[in-house]
Amino acid sequence: MNALSRYVVNTAQAKTGLSAGVLIGYAVQAALGLATAILFLIAIFFVFSDWLDFGATRTEIGMFVLFAVLLIASMVWTSAARRRTRQAAVHALHMSSPLALSPPLLSAGLRLGNSVGWRRSLPAALITALATGVAAEWTFRRRGRAR
C-alpha cells in the first residue's frame, strides 16, 4: 500500500470509524436482533398458549433475556471497536503526516516566500515539492520490493 492510499484509508477510518471489527459487530447485532425478535414472539406465543403456567414459558423468556443481553453486549463491543479504530486512525494520521505539512516547515516556507518574494519562490517551491514527492515514492517502492 503506497503512502497516498494509506493516507486515504486512515482518513476514512478517522472520519467513519469503520473497520472489519466494526462491520462484523454490525452483522452480529443484526443477527442477534433478529434472533431476539423471533424469541420474543415465541415467548409471547408460549405465554398465551400456556396462559402463564410457567412451563415452557420460563425457558423461552430466559432465552429471550439471554439474547437481549448478548445483543446489548455486542452493541457495546462494536461501539468500543469503532472508538478504537477512530483513535488508531487519527493517531496514524498524526504520526504519518507528510513532511511538507509540518508546521515548522510551513512557517519557514512562508518566511522565505515573504522575504524573497512569492513570484520568485513559488516555482522553486513547486519544483522542490514535486521532486521530493517523486523521490519519496521512488524510495518507498524500492524498499517495498526489497522486502
Protein backbone atom coordinates (compact mmCIF):
# COMPACT_ATOMS: atom_id res chain seq x y z
CA MET A 1 0.00 0.00 0.00
CA ASN A 2 1.58 3.28 -1.01
CA ALA A 3 1.55 6.41 1.10
CA LEU A 4 -1.41 8.01 -0.66
CA SER A 5 -3.71 5.00 -0.31
CA ARG A 6 -2.62 4.55 3.32
CA TYR A 7 -3.47 8.22 3.94
CA VAL A 8 -6.90 7.83 2.30
CA VAL A 9 -7.68 4.69 4.34
CA ASN A 10 -6.60 6.35 7.60
CA THR A 11 -8.62 9.48 6.79
CA ALA A 12 -11.72 7.42 6.02
CA GLN A 13 -11.31 5.40 9.20
CA ALA A 14 -10.76 8.55 11.26
CA LYS A 15 -13.98 10.08 9.93
CA THR A 16 -16.21 7.00 9.95
CA GLY A 17 -14.59 4.63 12.45
CA LEU A 18 -15.33 1.65 10.20
CA SER A 19 -13.10 -1.39 10.15
CA ALA A 20 -13.52 -5.14 9.79
CA GLY A 21 -14.28 -5.47 13.51
CA VAL A 22 -17.00 -2.83 13.35
CA LEU A 23 -18.62 -4.40 10.29
CA ILE A 24 -18.55 -7.83 11.96
CA GLY A 25 -20.09 -6.26 15.05
CA TYR A 26 -22.90 -4.77 12.98
CA ALA A 27 -23.55 -8.16 11.37
CA VAL A 28 -23.65 -9.82 14.82
CA GLN A 29 -26.03 -7.10 16.05
CA ALA A 30 -28.35 -7.69 13.11
CA ALA A 31 -28.34 -11.47 13.64
CA LEU A 32 -28.86 -11.20 17.39
CA GLY A 33 -31.56 -8.56 16.94
CA LEU A 34 -33.41 -10.87 14.58
CA ALA A 35 -32.98 -13.81 16.97
CA THR A 36 -34.21 -11.66 19.86
CA ALA A 37 -37.31 -10.64 17.93
CA ILE A 38 -38.06 -14.25 16.97
CA LEU A 39 -37.57 -15.48 20.53
CA PHE A 40 -39.73 -12.67 21.85
CA LEU A 41 -42.53 -13.76 19.54
CA ILE A 42 -42.06 -17.38 20.61
CA ALA A 43 -42.13 -16.29 24.25
CA ILE A 44 -45.35 -14.34 23.68
CA PHE A 45 -46.79 -17.41 21.99
CA PHE A 46 -45.96 -19.64 24.94
CA VAL A 47 -47.30 -17.07 27.39
CA PHE A 48 -50.64 -17.04 25.66
CA SER A 49 -50.70 -20.76 24.86
CA ASP A 50 -49.86 -21.91 28.38
CA TRP A 51 -51.66 -18.94 29.94
CA LEU A 52 -48.88 -18.16 32.40
CA ASP A 53 -48.31 -21.76 33.55
CA PHE A 54 -44.51 -21.13 33.53
CA GLY A 55 -43.54 -24.44 31.95
CA ALA A 56 -42.00 -23.79 28.58
CA THR A 57 -42.63 -20.08 29.04
CA ARG A 58 -39.86 -19.69 31.59
CA THR A 59 -37.45 -21.31 29.19
CA GLU A 60 -38.41 -19.05 26.32
CA ILE A 61 -38.32 -15.91 28.42
CA GLY A 62 -34.93 -16.97 29.75
CA MET A 63 -33.69 -17.43 26.19
CA PHE A 64 -35.14 -14.06 25.24
CA VAL A 65 -33.33 -12.36 28.12
CA LEU A 66 -30.11 -14.16 27.19
CA PHE A 67 -30.29 -12.99 23.56
CA ALA A 68 -31.20 -9.47 24.65
CA VAL A 69 -28.13 -9.38 26.90
CA LEU A 70 -25.98 -10.71 24.05
CA LEU A 71 -27.38 -8.02 21.74
CA ILE A 72 -26.55 -5.28 24.23
CA ALA A 73 -23.06 -6.72 24.76
CA SER A 74 -22.42 -6.80 21.01
CA MET A 75 -23.58 -3.17 20.74
CA VAL A 76 -21.15 -2.15 23.49
CA TRP A 77 -18.33 -4.16 21.87
CA THR A 78 -18.99 -2.62 18.43
CA SER A 79 -19.03 0.88 19.88
CA ALA A 80 -15.70 0.25 21.62
CA ALA A 81 -14.23 -1.24 18.43
CA ARG A 82 -15.35 1.79 16.44
CA ARG A 83 -13.85 4.17 19.00
CA ARG A 84 -10.55 2.24 18.99
CA THR A 85 -10.48 2.26 15.18
CA ARG A 86 -11.07 6.01 15.04
CA GLN A 87 -8.39 6.68 17.66
CA ALA A 88 -5.87 4.46 15.86
CA ALA A 89 -6.60 6.12 12.51
CA VAL A 90 -6.32 9.62 13.97
CA HIS A 91 -3.06 8.62 15.65
CA ALA A 92 -1.75 7.19 12.37
CA LEU A 93 -2.74 10.38 10.54
CA HIS A 94 -0.85 12.48 13.07
CA MET A 95 2.18 10.20 13.05
CA SER A 96 2.46 9.90 9.28
CA SER A 97 1.69 13.46 8.29
CA PRO A 98 3.62 14.45 5.20
CA LEU A 99 6.81 16.39 5.82
CA ALA A 100 5.57 19.26 3.68
CA LEU A 101 2.62 19.78 6.03
CA SER A 102 4.64 20.06 9.23
CA PRO A 103 4.12 23.45 10.97
CA PRO A 104 7.82 24.41 11.31
CA LEU A 105 8.46 23.71 7.64
CA LEU A 106 5.37 25.65 6.59
CA SER A 107 6.31 28.68 8.70
CA ALA A 108 9.86 28.60 7.32
CA GLY A 109 8.47 28.43 3.79
CA LEU A 110 6.15 31.35 4.45
CA ARG A 111 9.00 33.44 5.86
CA LEU A 112 11.18 32.57 2.87
CA GLY A 113 8.38 33.41 0.45
CA ASN A 114 7.79 36.77 2.12
CA SER A 115 11.47 37.68 2.23
CA VAL A 116 12.39 36.62 -1.31
CA GLY A 117 9.06 37.35 -2.93
CA TRP A 118 6.30 34.97 -3.91
CA ARG A 119 6.75 35.33 -7.65
CA ARG A 120 10.34 34.19 -7.40
CA SER A 121 9.93 31.48 -4.75
CA LEU A 122 6.69 29.80 -5.88
CA PRO A 123 8.12 28.00 -8.96
CA ALA A 124 11.10 26.80 -6.94
CA ALA A 125 8.80 25.58 -4.15
CA LEU A 126 6.59 23.70 -6.59
CA ILE A 127 9.55 22.03 -8.30
CA THR A 128 11.03 21.12 -4.90
CA ALA A 129 7.72 19.64 -3.70
CA LEU A 130 7.33 17.66 -6.91
CA ALA A 131 10.89 16.34 -6.75
CA THR A 132 10.50 15.43 -3.08
CA GLY A 133 7.27 13.54 -3.76
CA VAL A 134 8.76 11.65 -6.69
CA ALA A 135 11.88 10.79 -4.68
CA ALA A 136 9.83 9.64 -1.69
CA GLU A 137 7.62 7.44 -3.85
CA TRP A 138 10.62 6.03 -5.68
CA THR A 139 12.45 5.12 -2.45
CA PHE A 140 9.27 3.69 -0.93
CA ARG A 141 8.69 1.44 -3.94
CA ARG A 142 12.34 0.45 -3.98
CA ARG A 143 12.22 -0.52 -0.29
CA GLY A 144 8.92 -2.30 -0.83
CA ARG A 145 10.41 -4.56 -3.49
CA ALA A 146 13.49 -5.32 -1.38
CA ARG A 147 11.37 -6.69 1.50
